[in-house]
Amino acid sequence: MYPSFRRSLRCAALSIFVAAIAGCATTASSTKPLTAGGEASIEGKITAIDTTPWAFDGNAVIQLEIDDNGLVSVQLPARWNLCKAPAIDVEALAVGRRARAVGSVGGAGEIVVCERVEHRLQVLD
């Protein structure tokens, strides 16, 4: 082989190696606060389920642990028949399972799943 071709081949191999290593590097995730009044789609692990408030016409609360936002409280209104969102299979929810919530951001660290057709709380695994 010609020396210049061999050098070019080494440079190309080195470039590919460096790119592969850079692609594997991880950085700390930045915290992205949920903006009250906005819409959000989040995914995380279910850490708590409380449907007791439904008995008193309050919101059930499903707590999700989110990488970027810590703990987020997903609110499920008691008067679900007034919501535009599709029904949620509450029986499928279990602590430790991953879930996705799409809804309106309420107060600090909460999402309400109700007012739009695209809102939902679904188990991912």
N, C-alpha and C. Protein backbone atom coordinates (compact mmCIF):
# COMPACT_ATOMS: atom_id res chain seq x y z
N MET A 1 0.83 -1.17 0.00
CA MET A 1 0.00 0.00 0.00
C MET A 1 0.88 1.24 0.00
N TYR A 2 0.32 2.27 -0.52
CA TYR A 2 1.03 3.54 -0.56
C TYR A 2 0.99 4.19 0.83
N PRO A 3 2.08 4.84 1.27
CA PRO A 3 2.11 5.47 2.60
C PRO A 3 1.01 6.51 2.79
N SER A 4 0.71 7.32 1.79
CA SER A 4 -0.32 8.35 1.96
C SER A 4 -1.71 7.73 2.09
N PHE A 5 -1.97 6.64 1.40
CA PHE A 5 -3.25 5.95 1.50
C PHE A 5 -3.40 5.33 2.90
N ARG A 6 -2.31 4.74 3.39
CA ARG A 6 -2.31 4.13 4.71
C ARG A 6 -2.56 5.20 5.79
N ARG A 7 -1.95 6.34 5.65
CA ARG A 7 -2.14 7.45 6.59
C ARG A 7 -3.60 7.92 6.55
N SER A 8 -4.17 8.05 5.37
CA SER A 8 -5.57 8.46 5.23
C SER A 8 -6.50 7.45 5.88
N LEU A 9 -6.19 6.18 5.70
CA LEU A 9 -7.00 5.11 6.28
C LEU A 9 -6.94 5.18 7.81
N ARG A 10 -5.76 5.43 8.37
CA ARG A 10 -5.62 5.56 9.83
C ARG A 10 -6.40 6.77 10.34
N CYS A 11 -6.31 7.88 9.61
CA CYS A 11 -7.05 9.09 10.01
C CYS A 11 -8.55 8.84 10.00
N ALA A 12 -9.04 8.16 8.98
CA ALA A 12 -10.46 7.86 8.89
C ALA A 12 -10.89 6.94 10.04
N ALA A 13 -10.08 5.92 10.33
CA ALA A 13 -10.39 5.00 11.43
C ALA A 13 -10.40 5.74 12.76
N LEU A 14 -9.41 6.62 12.96
CA LEU A 14 -9.34 7.39 14.19
C LEU A 14 -10.55 8.32 14.32
N SER A 15 -10.95 8.95 13.23
CA SER A 15 -12.12 9.84 13.25
C SER A 15 -13.38 9.08 13.63
N ILE A 16 -13.55 7.89 13.08
CA ILE A 16 -14.72 7.06 13.39
C ILE A 16 -14.70 6.67 14.86
N PHE A 17 -13.53 6.28 15.36
CA PHE A 17 -13.39 5.89 16.76
C PHE A 17 -13.74 7.05 17.69
N VAL A 18 -13.21 8.23 17.41
CA VAL A 18 -13.48 9.41 18.24
C VAL A 18 -14.97 9.76 18.20
N ALA A 19 -15.59 9.69 17.03
CA ALA A 19 -17.03 9.98 16.90
C ALA A 19 -17.85 8.97 17.70
N ALA A 20 -17.46 7.71 17.66
CA ALA A 20 -18.18 6.68 18.41
C ALA A 20 -18.09 6.92 19.91
N ILE A 21 -16.91 7.29 20.38
CA ILE A 21 -16.72 7.57 21.81
C ILE A 21 -17.53 8.80 22.20
N ALA A 22 -17.53 9.83 21.40
CA ALA A 22 -18.28 11.04 21.71
C ALA A 22 -19.78 10.75 21.75
N GLY A 23 -20.24 9.88 20.90
CA GLY A 23 -21.66 9.53 20.88
C GLY A 23 -22.09 8.77 22.12
N CYS A 24 -21.15 8.09 22.78
CA CYS A 24 -21.46 7.33 23.98
C CYS A 24 -21.35 8.15 25.25
N ALA A 25 -20.75 9.31 25.16
CA ALA A 25 -20.56 10.13 26.35
C ALA A 25 -21.90 10.61 26.87
N THR A 26 -22.04 10.64 28.19
CA THR A 26 -23.29 11.12 28.77
C THR A 26 -23.03 12.39 29.54
N THR A 27 -24.06 13.21 29.62
CA THR A 27 -23.97 14.43 30.41
C THR A 27 -25.10 14.41 31.41
N ALA A 28 -24.96 15.15 32.47
CA ALA A 28 -26.01 15.24 33.47
C ALA A 28 -27.24 15.88 32.85
N SER A 29 -28.42 15.32 33.17
CA SER A 29 -29.64 15.88 32.59
C SER A 29 -29.95 17.21 33.27
N SER A 30 -30.43 18.14 32.48
CA SER A 30 -30.78 19.44 33.04
C SER A 30 -32.23 19.40 33.51
N THR A 31 -32.51 20.08 34.57
CA THR A 31 -33.87 20.12 35.10
C THR A 31 -34.68 21.10 34.27
N LYS A 32 -35.81 20.61 33.77
CA LYS A 32 -36.70 21.45 32.97
C LYS A 32 -37.99 21.64 33.76
N PRO A 33 -38.19 22.79 34.36
CA PRO A 33 -39.39 22.99 35.15
C PRO A 33 -40.65 22.98 34.27
N LEU A 34 -41.72 22.44 34.84
CA LEU A 34 -43.00 22.46 34.14
C LEU A 34 -43.58 23.87 34.28
N THR A 35 -44.10 24.42 33.20
CA THR A 35 -44.62 25.78 33.19
C THR A 35 -46.13 25.76 33.42
N ALA A 36 -46.58 26.35 34.52
CA ALA A 36 -48.00 26.40 34.84
C ALA A 36 -48.78 27.03 33.69
N GLY A 37 -49.91 26.42 33.37
CA GLY A 37 -50.75 26.93 32.29
C GLY A 37 -50.39 26.34 30.94
N GLY A 38 -49.26 25.66 30.83
CA GLY A 38 -48.84 25.06 29.57
C GLY A 38 -49.26 23.61 29.47
N GLU A 39 -48.87 23.00 28.40
CA GLU A 39 -49.13 21.58 28.18
C GLU A 39 -47.81 20.82 28.34
N ALA A 40 -47.89 19.57 28.76
CA ALA A 40 -46.67 18.78 28.93
C ALA A 40 -46.94 17.31 28.65
N SER A 41 -45.91 16.64 28.18
CA SER A 41 -45.92 15.19 28.01
C SER A 41 -44.69 14.69 28.76
N ILE A 42 -44.91 13.84 29.75
CA ILE A 42 -43.81 13.35 30.57
C ILE A 42 -43.86 11.83 30.67
N GLU A 43 -42.73 11.24 30.97
CA GLU A 43 -42.65 9.80 31.20
C GLU A 43 -41.85 9.57 32.46
N GLY A 44 -42.26 8.56 33.21
CA GLY A 44 -41.52 8.24 34.43
C GLY A 44 -42.07 6.99 35.09
N LYS A 45 -41.52 6.71 36.25
CA LYS A 45 -41.90 5.53 37.01
C LYS A 45 -42.96 5.91 38.04
N ILE A 46 -44.01 5.12 38.13
CA ILE A 46 -45.07 5.35 39.11
C ILE A 46 -44.52 5.03 40.50
N THR A 47 -44.59 6.00 41.41
CA THR A 47 -44.10 5.79 42.77
C THR A 47 -45.23 5.74 43.80
N ALA A 48 -46.41 6.24 43.45
CA ALA A 48 -47.55 6.21 44.38
C ALA A 48 -48.85 6.35 43.61
N ILE A 49 -49.90 5.70 44.13
CA ILE A 49 -51.24 5.77 43.54
C ILE A 49 -52.22 6.02 44.67
N ASP A 50 -52.99 7.10 44.57
CA ASP A 50 -53.99 7.41 45.60
C ASP A 50 -55.31 7.77 44.94
N THR A 51 -56.24 6.82 44.95
CA THR A 51 -57.57 7.06 44.37
C THR A 51 -58.60 7.39 45.46
N THR A 52 -58.17 7.42 46.72
CA THR A 52 -59.08 7.72 47.83
C THR A 52 -59.83 9.04 47.64
N PRO A 53 -59.20 10.12 47.15
CA PRO A 53 -59.93 11.39 46.99
C PRO A 53 -61.16 11.28 46.09
N TRP A 54 -61.21 10.29 45.19
CA TRP A 54 -62.38 10.13 44.34
C TRP A 54 -63.65 9.93 45.17
N ALA A 55 -63.53 9.30 46.33
CA ALA A 55 -64.69 9.05 47.19
C ALA A 55 -65.26 10.35 47.75
N PHE A 56 -64.46 11.39 47.74
CA PHE A 56 -64.88 12.69 48.29
C PHE A 56 -64.93 13.76 47.20
N ASP A 57 -65.09 13.33 45.94
CA ASP A 57 -65.19 14.23 44.79
C ASP A 57 -63.90 15.02 44.56
N GLY A 58 -62.77 14.44 44.93
CA GLY A 58 -61.48 15.08 44.70
C GLY A 58 -60.72 14.35 43.59
N ASN A 59 -59.55 14.85 43.28
CA ASN A 59 -58.72 14.24 42.23
C ASN A 59 -57.92 13.07 42.78
N ALA A 60 -57.90 11.97 42.03
CA ALA A 60 -56.98 10.89 42.33
C ALA A 60 -55.59 11.41 41.96
N VAL A 61 -54.57 10.92 42.64
CA VAL A 61 -53.22 11.41 42.39
C VAL A 61 -52.31 10.22 42.12
N ILE A 62 -51.67 10.27 40.95
CA ILE A 62 -50.68 9.28 40.57
C ILE A 62 -49.35 10.01 40.55
N GLN A 63 -48.41 9.56 41.34
CA GLN A 63 -47.12 10.24 41.42
C GLN A 63 -46.12 9.55 40.51
N LEU A 64 -45.49 10.35 39.63
CA LEU A 64 -44.47 9.83 38.71
C LEU A 64 -43.11 10.43 39.08
N GLU A 65 -42.10 9.60 39.05
CA GLU A 65 -40.73 10.08 39.24
C GLU A 65 -40.13 10.30 37.86
N ILE A 66 -39.85 11.55 37.54
CA ILE A 66 -39.37 11.96 36.22
C ILE A 66 -37.91 12.37 36.32
N ASP A 67 -37.10 11.93 35.38
CA ASP A 67 -35.67 12.27 35.40
C ASP A 67 -35.44 13.77 35.43
N ASP A 68 -36.12 14.52 34.57
CA ASP A 68 -35.88 15.96 34.45
C ASP A 68 -36.62 16.82 35.47
N ASN A 69 -37.67 16.28 36.09
CA ASN A 69 -38.51 17.12 36.97
C ASN A 69 -38.71 16.56 38.37
N GLY A 70 -38.03 15.51 38.76
CA GLY A 70 -38.24 14.92 40.09
C GLY A 70 -39.60 14.27 40.16
N LEU A 71 -40.35 14.53 41.22
CA LEU A 71 -41.67 13.94 41.40
C LEU A 71 -42.74 14.85 40.79
N VAL A 72 -43.61 14.27 40.01
CA VAL A 72 -44.71 15.02 39.39
C VAL A 72 -46.01 14.34 39.80
N SER A 73 -46.97 15.13 40.23
CA SER A 73 -48.27 14.65 40.65
C SER A 73 -49.24 14.72 39.46
N VAL A 74 -49.71 13.57 39.00
CA VAL A 74 -50.66 13.51 37.90
C VAL A 74 -52.06 13.44 38.50
N GLN A 75 -52.87 14.44 38.20
CA GLN A 75 -54.21 14.57 38.77
C GLN A 75 -55.26 13.98 37.83
N LEU A 76 -56.10 13.08 38.37
CA LEU A 76 -57.20 12.48 37.62
C LEU A 76 -58.51 12.93 38.28
N PRO A 77 -59.26 13.83 37.63
CA PRO A 77 -60.49 14.37 38.23
C PRO A 77 -61.52 13.30 38.56
N ALA A 78 -62.26 13.53 39.65
CA ALA A 78 -63.31 12.61 40.07
C ALA A 78 -64.47 12.59 39.07
N ARG A 79 -64.75 13.72 38.50
CA ARG A 79 -65.86 13.79 37.54
C ARG A 79 -65.34 13.55 36.12
N TRP A 80 -64.86 12.33 35.93
CA TRP A 80 -64.23 11.96 34.67
C TRP A 80 -65.20 12.10 33.50
N ASN A 81 -66.49 11.93 33.75
CA ASN A 81 -67.48 12.05 32.67
C ASN A 81 -67.51 13.45 32.07
N LEU A 82 -66.94 14.45 32.75
CA LEU A 82 -66.88 15.80 32.22
C LEU A 82 -65.58 16.07 31.45
N CYS A 83 -64.67 15.12 31.44
CA CYS A 83 -63.38 15.28 30.77
C CYS A 83 -63.49 14.93 29.29
N LYS A 84 -62.65 15.56 28.49
CA LYS A 84 -62.57 15.25 27.06
C LYS A 84 -61.58 14.13 26.81
N ALA A 85 -60.68 13.88 27.75
CA ALA A 85 -59.65 12.84 27.60
C ALA A 85 -60.31 11.45 27.64
N PRO A 86 -59.69 10.48 26.95
CA PRO A 86 -60.22 9.12 26.99
C PRO A 86 -60.08 8.52 28.40
N ALA A 87 -60.88 7.51 28.67
CA ALA A 87 -60.85 6.85 29.98
C ALA A 87 -59.47 6.26 30.26
N ILE A 88 -59.13 6.21 31.53
CA ILE A 88 -57.83 5.68 31.96
C ILE A 88 -58.06 4.34 32.63
N ASP A 89 -57.25 3.35 32.26
CA ASP A 89 -57.34 2.03 32.86
C ASP A 89 -56.59 2.06 34.19
N VAL A 90 -57.28 2.46 35.24
CA VAL A 90 -56.68 2.61 36.56
C VAL A 90 -56.17 1.26 37.07
N GLU A 91 -56.85 0.19 36.73
CA GLU A 91 -56.44 -1.15 37.18
C GLU A 91 -55.06 -1.52 36.64
N ALA A 92 -54.67 -0.97 35.49
CA ALA A 92 -53.36 -1.28 34.89
C ALA A 92 -52.22 -0.53 35.57
N LEU A 93 -52.54 0.51 36.33
CA LEU A 93 -51.51 1.29 37.01
C LEU A 93 -50.98 0.51 38.20
N ALA A 94 -49.66 0.52 38.37
CA ALA A 94 -49.03 -0.15 39.50
C ALA A 94 -47.72 0.54 39.84
N VAL A 95 -47.41 0.63 41.11
CA VAL A 95 -46.16 1.22 41.54
C VAL A 95 -45.00 0.44 40.91
N GLY A 96 -44.03 1.18 40.36
CA GLY A 96 -42.88 0.57 39.71
C GLY A 96 -42.98 0.50 38.20
N ARG A 97 -44.19 0.60 37.66
CA ARG A 97 -44.37 0.58 36.20
C ARG A 97 -44.07 1.95 35.63
N ARG A 98 -43.65 1.98 34.36
CA ARG A 98 -43.41 3.25 33.66
C ARG A 98 -44.72 3.69 33.02
N ALA A 99 -44.92 5.01 33.01
CA ALA A 99 -46.14 5.56 32.44
C ALA A 99 -45.84 6.89 31.75
N ARG A 100 -46.73 7.27 30.84
CA ARG A 100 -46.66 8.56 30.15
C ARG A 100 -47.92 9.35 30.51
N ALA A 101 -47.72 10.59 30.87
CA ALA A 101 -48.84 11.49 31.16
C ALA A 101 -48.78 12.67 30.20
N VAL A 102 -49.92 13.00 29.61
CA VAL A 102 -50.04 14.16 28.74
C VAL A 102 -51.19 14.97 29.31
N GLY A 103 -50.91 16.23 29.64
CA GLY A 103 -51.96 17.04 30.24
C GLY A 103 -51.57 18.49 30.40
N SER A 104 -52.42 19.21 31.13
CA SER A 104 -52.20 20.63 31.41
C SER A 104 -51.43 20.76 32.72
N VAL A 105 -50.43 21.62 32.71
CA VAL A 105 -49.64 21.84 33.91
C VAL A 105 -50.41 22.78 34.83
N GLY A 106 -50.62 22.32 36.05
CA GLY A 106 -51.34 23.12 37.04
C GLY A 106 -50.33 23.81 37.94
N GLY A 107 -50.50 23.63 39.24
CA GLY A 107 -49.56 24.20 40.21
C GLY A 107 -48.20 23.53 40.12
N ALA A 108 -47.35 23.86 41.06
CA ALA A 108 -45.98 23.35 41.06
C ALA A 108 -45.95 21.82 41.07
N GLY A 109 -45.35 21.26 40.04
CA GLY A 109 -45.16 19.81 39.98
C GLY A 109 -46.40 18.99 39.79
N GLU A 110 -47.41 19.54 39.11
CA GLU A 110 -48.61 18.73 38.85
C GLU A 110 -49.10 18.89 37.42
N ILE A 111 -49.68 17.81 36.92
CA ILE A 111 -50.28 17.79 35.59
C ILE A 111 -51.69 17.24 35.73
N VAL A 112 -52.65 17.92 35.13
CA VAL A 112 -54.04 17.48 35.16
C VAL A 112 -54.37 16.85 33.81
N VAL A 113 -54.82 15.62 33.86
CA VAL A 113 -55.14 14.86 32.65
C VAL A 113 -56.66 14.88 32.50
N CYS A 114 -57.18 15.78 31.63
CA CYS A 114 -58.64 15.87 31.52
C CYS A 114 -59.15 16.70 30.35
N GLU A 115 -58.70 17.94 30.23
CA GLU A 115 -59.43 18.92 29.43
C GLU A 115 -59.31 18.81 27.91
N ARG A 116 -58.42 17.99 27.39
CA ARG A 116 -58.28 17.86 25.93
C ARG A 116 -58.34 16.40 25.52
N VAL A 117 -58.75 16.17 24.29
CA VAL A 117 -58.86 14.81 23.76
C VAL A 117 -57.50 14.09 23.77
N GLU A 118 -56.43 14.83 23.54
CA GLU A 118 -55.10 14.20 23.49
C GLU A 118 -54.49 13.94 24.87
N HIS A 119 -55.13 14.41 25.93
CA HIS A 119 -54.64 14.14 27.28
C HIS A 119 -54.80 12.66 27.61
N ARG A 120 -53.83 12.13 28.37
CA ARG A 120 -53.91 10.72 28.74
C ARG A 120 -52.91 10.38 29.82
N LEU A 121 -53.14 9.24 30.44
CA LEU A 121 -52.18 8.61 31.34
C LEU A 121 -52.17 7.15 30.92
N GLN A 122 -51.03 6.70 30.43
CA GLN A 122 -50.97 5.33 29.93
C GLN A 122 -49.73 4.61 30.43
N VAL A 123 -49.88 3.34 30.71
CA VAL A 123 -48.77 2.50 31.13
C VAL A 123 -47.93 2.17 29.90
N LEU A 124 -46.60 2.24 30.04
CA LEU A 124 -45.70 2.00 28.91
C LEU A 124 -45.13 0.59 28.89
N ASP A 125 -45.03 -0.05 30.03
CA ASP A 125 -44.44 -1.41 30.03
C ASP A 125 -45.39 -2.45 30.53
